[in-house]
Amino acid sequence: MVTDLTEPETLKAMVEELRTKLEAIKKLEGNDITKKIKIGYRLRNEEGITDENIYSAVLDELMK
């Protein structure tokens, strides 16, 4: 998900709400599902983050 949030607390709240809603999904088209959720995020205003490297920074976080 791409957003223009700049406040860490707001982003963290959004991430936690998204995680909660995803974890609540138990079935898909009537079939039980198992899911693995891993969330990474970066703010554009973090030190060292640019428009050019933000995507790779999040991918690096997810690959840890």
PDB file of N, CA and C in Angstrom:
ATOM      1  N   MET A   1       0.852  -1.153   0.000  1.00  0.00           N
ATOM      2  CA  MET A   1       0.000   0.000   0.000  1.00  0.00           C
ATOM      3  C   MET A   1       0.908   1.227   0.000  1.00  0.00           C
ATOM      4  N   VAL A   2       0.562   2.205  -0.764  1.00  0.00           N
ATOM      5  CA  VAL A   2       1.319   3.451  -0.810  1.00  0.00           C
ATOM      6  C   VAL A   2       0.438   4.545  -0.225  1.00  0.00           C
ATOM      7  N   THR A   3       1.015   5.340   0.650  1.00  0.00           N
ATOM      8  CA  THR A   3       0.266   6.424   1.284  1.00  0.00           C
ATOM      9  C   THR A   3       1.182   7.626   1.450  1.00  0.00           C
ATOM     10  N   ASP A   4       0.606   8.763   1.734  1.00  0.00           N
ATOM     11  CA  ASP A   4       1.413   9.970   1.910  1.00  0.00           C
ATOM     12  C   ASP A   4       1.526  10.397   3.369  1.00  0.00           C
ATOM     13  N   LEU A   5       1.321   9.466   4.284  1.00  0.00           N
ATOM     14  CA  LEU A   5       1.433   9.783   5.708  1.00  0.00           C
ATOM     15  C   LEU A   5       2.868  10.155   6.064  1.00  0.00           C
ATOM     16  N   THR A   6       3.016  11.064   7.016  1.00  0.00           N
ATOM     17  CA  THR A   6       4.351  11.473   7.455  1.00  0.00           C
ATOM     18  C   THR A   6       4.557  11.272   8.954  1.00  0.00           C
ATOM     19  N   GLU A   7       3.500  10.959   9.679  1.00  0.00           N
ATOM     20  CA  GLU A   7       3.608  10.769  11.133  1.00  0.00           C
ATOM     21  C   GLU A   7       3.723   9.280  11.462  1.00  0.00           C
ATOM     22  N   PRO A   8       4.783   8.898  12.151  1.00  0.00           N
ATOM     23  CA  PRO A   8       4.982   7.469  12.475  1.00  0.00           C
ATOM     24  C   PRO A   8       3.812   6.851  13.235  1.00  0.00           C
ATOM     25  N   GLU A   9       3.226   7.582  14.164  1.00  0.00           N
ATOM     26  CA  GLU A   9       2.131   7.038  14.965  1.00  0.00           C
ATOM     27  C   GLU A   9       0.911   6.752  14.102  1.00  0.00           C
ATOM     28  N   THR A  10       0.627   7.654  13.161  1.00  0.00           N
ATOM     29  CA  THR A  10      -0.517   7.464  12.271  1.00  0.00           C
ATOM     30  C   THR A  10      -0.298   6.260  11.373  1.00  0.00           C
ATOM     31  N   LEU A  11       0.898   6.132  10.837  1.00  0.00           N
ATOM     32  CA  LEU A  11       1.206   4.996   9.970  1.00  0.00           C
ATOM     33  C   LEU A  11       1.145   3.694  10.747  1.00  0.00           C
ATOM     34  N   LYS A  12       1.700   3.677  11.939  1.00  0.00           N
ATOM     35  CA  LYS A  12       1.678   2.454  12.750  1.00  0.00           C
ATOM     36  C   LYS A  12       0.242   2.045  13.065  1.00  0.00           C
ATOM     37  N   ALA A  13      -0.621   3.004  13.370  1.00  0.00           N
ATOM     38  CA  ALA A  13      -2.026   2.700  13.642  1.00  0.00           C
ATOM     39  C   ALA A  13      -2.703   2.113  12.407  1.00  0.00           C
ATOM     40  N   MET A  14      -2.401   2.673  11.242  1.00  0.00           N
ATOM     41  CA  MET A  14      -2.980   2.160  10.003  1.00  0.00           C
ATOM     42  C   MET A  14      -2.501   0.746   9.729  1.00  0.00           C
ATOM     43  N   VAL A  15      -1.229   0.500   9.947  1.00  0.00           N
ATOM     44  CA  VAL A  15      -0.653  -0.826   9.726  1.00  0.00           C
ATOM     45  C   VAL A  15      -1.304  -1.844  10.664  1.00  0.00           C
ATOM     46  N   GLU A  16      -1.465  -1.487  11.920  1.00  0.00           N
ATOM     47  CA  GLU A  16      -2.067  -2.414  12.885  1.00  0.00           C
ATOM     48  C   GLU A  16      -3.528  -2.687  12.559  1.00  0.00           C
ATOM     49  N   GLU A  17      -4.250  -1.666  12.096  1.00  0.00           N
ATOM     50  CA  GLU A  17      -5.642  -1.868  11.693  1.00  0.00           C
ATOM     51  C   GLU A  17      -5.716  -2.809  10.492  1.00  0.00           C
ATOM     52  N   LEU A  18      -4.836  -2.620   9.535  1.00  0.00           N
ATOM     53  CA  LEU A  18      -4.791  -3.488   8.368  1.00  0.00           C
ATOM     54  C   LEU A  18      -4.468  -4.928   8.774  1.00  0.00           C
ATOM     55  N   ARG A  19      -3.486  -5.087   9.653  1.00  0.00           N
ATOM     56  CA  ARG A  19      -3.108  -6.432  10.120  1.00  0.00           C
ATOM     57  C   ARG A  19      -4.302  -7.114  10.799  1.00  0.00           C
ATOM     58  N   THR A  20      -4.995  -6.389  11.660  1.00  0.00           N
ATOM     59  CA  THR A  20      -6.143  -6.942  12.375  1.00  0.00           C
ATOM     60  C   THR A  20      -7.223  -7.393  11.405  1.00  0.00           C
ATOM     61  N   LYS A  21      -7.493  -6.569  10.402  1.00  0.00           N
ATOM     62  CA  LYS A  21      -8.528  -6.922   9.429  1.00  0.00           C
ATOM     63  C   LYS A  21      -8.102  -8.114   8.576  1.00  0.00           C
ATOM     64  N   LEU A  22      -6.848  -8.177   8.194  1.00  0.00           N
ATOM     65  CA  LEU A  22      -6.369  -9.322   7.419  1.00  0.00           C
ATOM     66  C   LEU A  22      -6.410 -10.600   8.241  1.00  0.00           C
ATOM     67  N   GLU A  23      -6.039 -10.507   9.514  1.00  0.00           N
ATOM     68  CA  GLU A  23      -6.048 -11.691  10.374  1.00  0.00           C
ATOM     69  C   GLU A  23      -7.464 -12.193  10.619  1.00  0.00           C
ATOM     70  N   ALA A  24      -8.464 -11.323  10.505  1.00  0.00           N
ATOM     71  CA  ALA A  24      -9.859 -11.719  10.721  1.00  0.00           C
ATOM     72  C   ALA A  24     -10.415 -12.537   9.558  1.00  0.00           C
ATOM     73  N   ILE A  25      -9.762 -12.493   8.423  1.00  0.00           N
ATOM     74  CA  ILE A  25     -10.229 -13.269   7.271  1.00  0.00           C
ATOM     75  C   ILE A  25      -9.866 -14.738   7.499  1.00  0.00           C
ATOM     76  N   LYS A  26     -10.890 -15.566   7.557  1.00  0.00           N
ATOM     77  CA  LYS A  26     -10.678 -16.989   7.842  1.00  0.00           C
ATOM     78  C   LYS A  26     -11.034 -17.878   6.661  1.00  0.00           C
ATOM     79  N   LYS A  27     -11.872 -17.357   5.759  1.00  0.00           N
ATOM     80  CA  LYS A  27     -12.312 -18.148   4.612  1.00  0.00           C
ATOM     81  C   LYS A  27     -12.268 -17.278   3.365  1.00  0.00           C
ATOM     82  N   LEU A  28     -12.061 -17.945   2.243  1.00  0.00           N
ATOM     83  CA  LEU A  28     -12.078 -17.275   0.958  1.00  0.00           C
ATOM     84  C   LEU A  28     -12.953 -18.114   0.030  1.00  0.00           C
ATOM     85  N   GLU A  29     -14.027 -17.517  -0.433  1.00  0.00           N
ATOM     86  CA  GLU A  29     -14.992 -18.218  -1.284  1.00  0.00           C
ATOM     87  C   GLU A  29     -15.445 -19.528  -0.645  1.00  0.00           C
ATOM     88  N   GLY A  30     -15.660 -19.487   0.669  1.00  0.00           N
ATOM     89  CA  GLY A  30     -16.163 -20.653   1.397  1.00  0.00           C
ATOM     90  C   GLY A  30     -15.105 -21.646   1.818  1.00  0.00           C
ATOM     91  N   ASN A  31     -13.863 -21.438   1.444  1.00  0.00           N
ATOM     92  CA  ASN A  31     -12.784 -22.364   1.793  1.00  0.00           C
ATOM     93  C   ASN A  31     -11.932 -21.794   2.919  1.00  0.00           C
ATOM     94  N   ASP A  32     -11.607 -22.649   3.895  1.00  0.00           N
ATOM     95  CA  ASP A  32     -10.703 -22.232   4.964  1.00  0.00           C
ATOM     96  C   ASP A  32      -9.354 -21.871   4.351  1.00  0.00           C
ATOM     97  N   ILE A  33      -8.726 -20.842   4.897  1.00  0.00           N
ATOM     98  CA  ILE A  33      -7.419 -20.432   4.382  1.00  0.00           C
ATOM     99  C   ILE A  33      -6.426 -20.300   5.524  1.00  0.00           C
ATOM    100  N   THR A  34      -5.175 -20.461   5.169  1.00  0.00           N
ATOM    101  CA  THR A  34      -4.060 -20.193   6.068  1.00  0.00           C
ATOM    102  C   THR A  34      -3.272 -19.066   5.429  1.00  0.00           C
ATOM    103  N   LYS A  35      -2.892 -18.105   6.207  1.00  0.00           N
ATOM    104  CA  LYS A  35      -2.137 -16.985   5.647  1.00  0.00           C
ATOM    105  C   LYS A  35      -0.953 -16.644   6.528  1.00  0.00           C
ATOM    106  N   LYS A  36       0.047 -16.124   5.904  1.00  0.00           N
ATOM    107  CA  LYS A  36       1.230 -15.636   6.598  1.00  0.00           C
ATOM    108  C   LYS A  36       1.319 -14.143   6.267  1.00  0.00           C
ATOM    109  N   ILE A  37       1.294 -13.332   7.291  1.00  0.00           N
ATOM    110  CA  ILE A  37       1.293 -11.883   7.088  1.00  0.00           C
ATOM    111  C   ILE A  37       2.604 -11.316   7.602  1.00  0.00           C
ATOM    112  N   LYS A  38       3.282 -10.609   6.743  1.00  0.00           N
ATOM    113  CA  LYS A  38       4.507  -9.911   7.121  1.00  0.00           C
ATOM    114  C   LYS A  38       4.381  -8.503   6.569  1.00  0.00           C
ATOM    115  N   ILE A  39       4.531  -7.527   7.429  1.00  0.00           N
ATOM    116  CA  ILE A  39       4.317  -6.137   7.034  1.00  0.00           C
ATOM    117  C   ILE A  39       5.599  -5.347   7.257  1.00  0.00           C
ATOM    118  N   GLY A  40       5.952  -4.586   6.253  1.00  0.00           N
ATOM    119  CA  GLY A  40       7.088  -3.677   6.353  1.00  0.00           C
ATOM    120  C   GLY A  40       6.646  -2.307   5.905  1.00  0.00           C
ATOM    121  N   TYR A  41       7.209  -1.295   6.492  1.00  0.00           N
ATOM    122  CA  TYR A  41       6.856   0.047   6.070  1.00  0.00           C
ATOM    123  C   TYR A  41       7.987   1.024   6.363  1.00  0.00           C
ATOM    124  N   ARG A  42       8.009   2.064   5.584  1.00  0.00           N
ATOM    125  CA  ARG A  42       8.972   3.147   5.743  1.00  0.00           C
ATOM    126  C   ARG A  42       8.247   4.457   5.480  1.00  0.00           C
ATOM    127  N   LEU A  43       8.688   5.483   6.155  1.00  0.00           N
ATOM    128  CA  LEU A  43       8.163   6.825   5.908  1.00  0.00           C
ATOM    129  C   LEU A  43       9.113   7.572   5.000  1.00  0.00           C
ATOM    130  N   ARG A  44       8.549   8.311   4.106  1.00  0.00           N
ATOM    131  CA  ARG A  44       9.321   9.087   3.151  1.00  0.00           C
ATOM    132  C   ARG A  44      10.250  10.098   3.835  1.00  0.00           C
ATOM    133  N   ASN A  45       9.854  10.554   5.020  1.00  0.00           N
ATOM    134  CA  ASN A  45      10.670  11.553   5.710  1.00  0.00           C
ATOM    135  C   ASN A  45      11.695  10.938   6.671  1.00  0.00           C
ATOM    136  N   GLU A  46      11.877   9.617   6.634  1.00  0.00           N
ATOM    137  CA  GLU A  46      12.918   8.979   7.446  1.00  0.00           C
ATOM    138  C   GLU A  46      14.285   9.307   6.860  1.00  0.00           C
ATOM    139  N   GLU A  47      15.256   9.395   7.736  1.00  0.00           N
ATOM    140  CA  GLU A  47      16.619   9.686   7.285  1.00  0.00           C
ATOM    141  C   GLU A  47      17.093   8.611   6.308  1.00  0.00           C
ATOM    142  N   GLY A  48      17.633   9.051   5.189  1.00  0.00           N
ATOM    143  CA  GLY A  48      18.177   8.139   4.194  1.00  0.00           C
ATOM    144  C   GLY A  48      17.154   7.583   3.210  1.00  0.00           C
ATOM    145  N   ILE A  49      15.890   7.878   3.413  1.00  0.00           N
ATOM    146  CA  ILE A  49      14.852   7.376   2.514  1.00  0.00           C
ATOM    147  C   ILE A  49      14.548   8.427   1.457  1.00  0.00           C
ATOM    148  N   THR A  50      14.546   7.988   0.206  1.00  0.00           N
ATOM    149  CA  THR A  50      14.207   8.863  -0.914  1.00  0.00           C
ATOM    150  C   THR A  50      13.093   8.209  -1.716  1.00  0.00           C
ATOM    151  N   ASP A  51      12.513   8.967  -2.620  1.00  0.00           N
ATOM    152  CA  ASP A  51      11.490   8.392  -3.490  1.00  0.00           C
ATOM    153  C   ASP A  51      12.060   7.227  -4.286  1.00  0.00           C
ATOM    154  N   GLU A  52      13.322   7.305  -4.602  1.00  0.00           N
ATOM    155  CA  GLU A  52      13.962   6.271  -5.420  1.00  0.00           C
ATOM    156  C   GLU A  52      14.255   4.986  -4.647  1.00  0.00           C
ATOM    157  N   ASN A  53      14.476   5.073  -3.330  1.00  0.00           N
ATOM    158  CA  ASN A  53      14.870   3.868  -2.594  1.00  0.00           C
ATOM    159  C   ASN A  53      13.838   3.372  -1.581  1.00  0.00           C
ATOM    160  N   ILE A  54      12.706   4.023  -1.482  1.00  0.00           N
ATOM    161  CA  ILE A  54      11.740   3.639  -0.446  1.00  0.00           C
ATOM    162  C   ILE A  54      11.212   2.215  -0.662  1.00  0.00           C
ATOM    163  N   TYR A  55      10.932   1.868  -1.914  1.00  0.00           N
ATOM    164  CA  TYR A  55      10.409   0.530  -2.207  1.00  0.00           C
ATOM    165  C   TYR A  55      11.437  -0.542  -1.851  1.00  0.00           C
ATOM    166  N   SER A  56      12.678  -0.346  -2.250  1.00  0.00           N
ATOM    167  CA  SER A  56      13.705  -1.346  -1.940  1.00  0.00           C
ATOM    168  C   SER A  56      13.989  -1.401  -0.444  1.00  0.00           C
ATOM    169  N   ALA A  57      13.855  -0.279   0.260  1.00  0.00           N
ATOM    170  CA  ALA A  57      14.056  -0.284   1.717  1.00  0.00           C
ATOM    171  C   ALA A  57      12.995  -1.143   2.404  1.00  0.00           C
ATOM    172  N   VAL A  58      11.754  -1.064   1.942  1.00  0.00           N
ATOM    173  CA  VAL A  58      10.698  -1.889   2.518  1.00  0.00           C
ATOM    174  C   VAL A  58      10.929  -3.360   2.175  1.00  0.00           C
ATOM    175  N   LEU A  59      11.305  -3.637   0.935  1.00  0.00           N
ATOM    176  CA  LEU A  59      11.599  -5.022   0.559  1.00  0.00           C
ATOM    177  C   LEU A  59      12.738  -5.592   1.390  1.00  0.00           C
ATOM    178  N   ASP A  60      13.773  -4.806   1.634  1.00  0.00           N
ATOM    179  CA  ASP A  60      14.882  -5.260   2.470  1.00  0.00           C
ATOM    180  C   ASP A  60      14.376  -5.613   3.874  1.00  0.00           C
ATOM    181  N   GLU A  61      13.479  -4.797   4.416  1.00  0.00           N
ATOM    182  CA  GLU A  61      12.918  -5.053   5.740  1.00  0.00           C
ATOM    183  C   GLU A  61      12.128  -6.365   5.735  1.00  0.00           C
ATOM    184  N   LEU A  62      11.373  -6.596   4.682  1.00  0.00           N
ATOM    185  CA  LEU A  62      10.562  -7.819   4.605  1.00  0.00           C
ATOM    186  C   LEU A  62      11.406  -9.066   4.430  1.00  0.00           C
ATOM    187  N   MET A  63      12.574  -8.938   3.837  1.00  0.00           N
ATOM    188  CA  MET A  63      13.427 -10.096   3.578  1.00  0.00           C
ATOM    189  C   MET A  63      14.252 -10.507   4.797  1.00  0.00           C
ATOM    190  N   LYS A  64      14.243  -9.726   5.840  1.00  0.00           N
ATOM    191  CA  LYS A  64      15.017 -10.062   7.056  1.00  0.00           C
ATOM    192  C   LYS A  64      14.417 -11.244   7.756  1.00  0.00           C
TER     193      LYS A  64
END
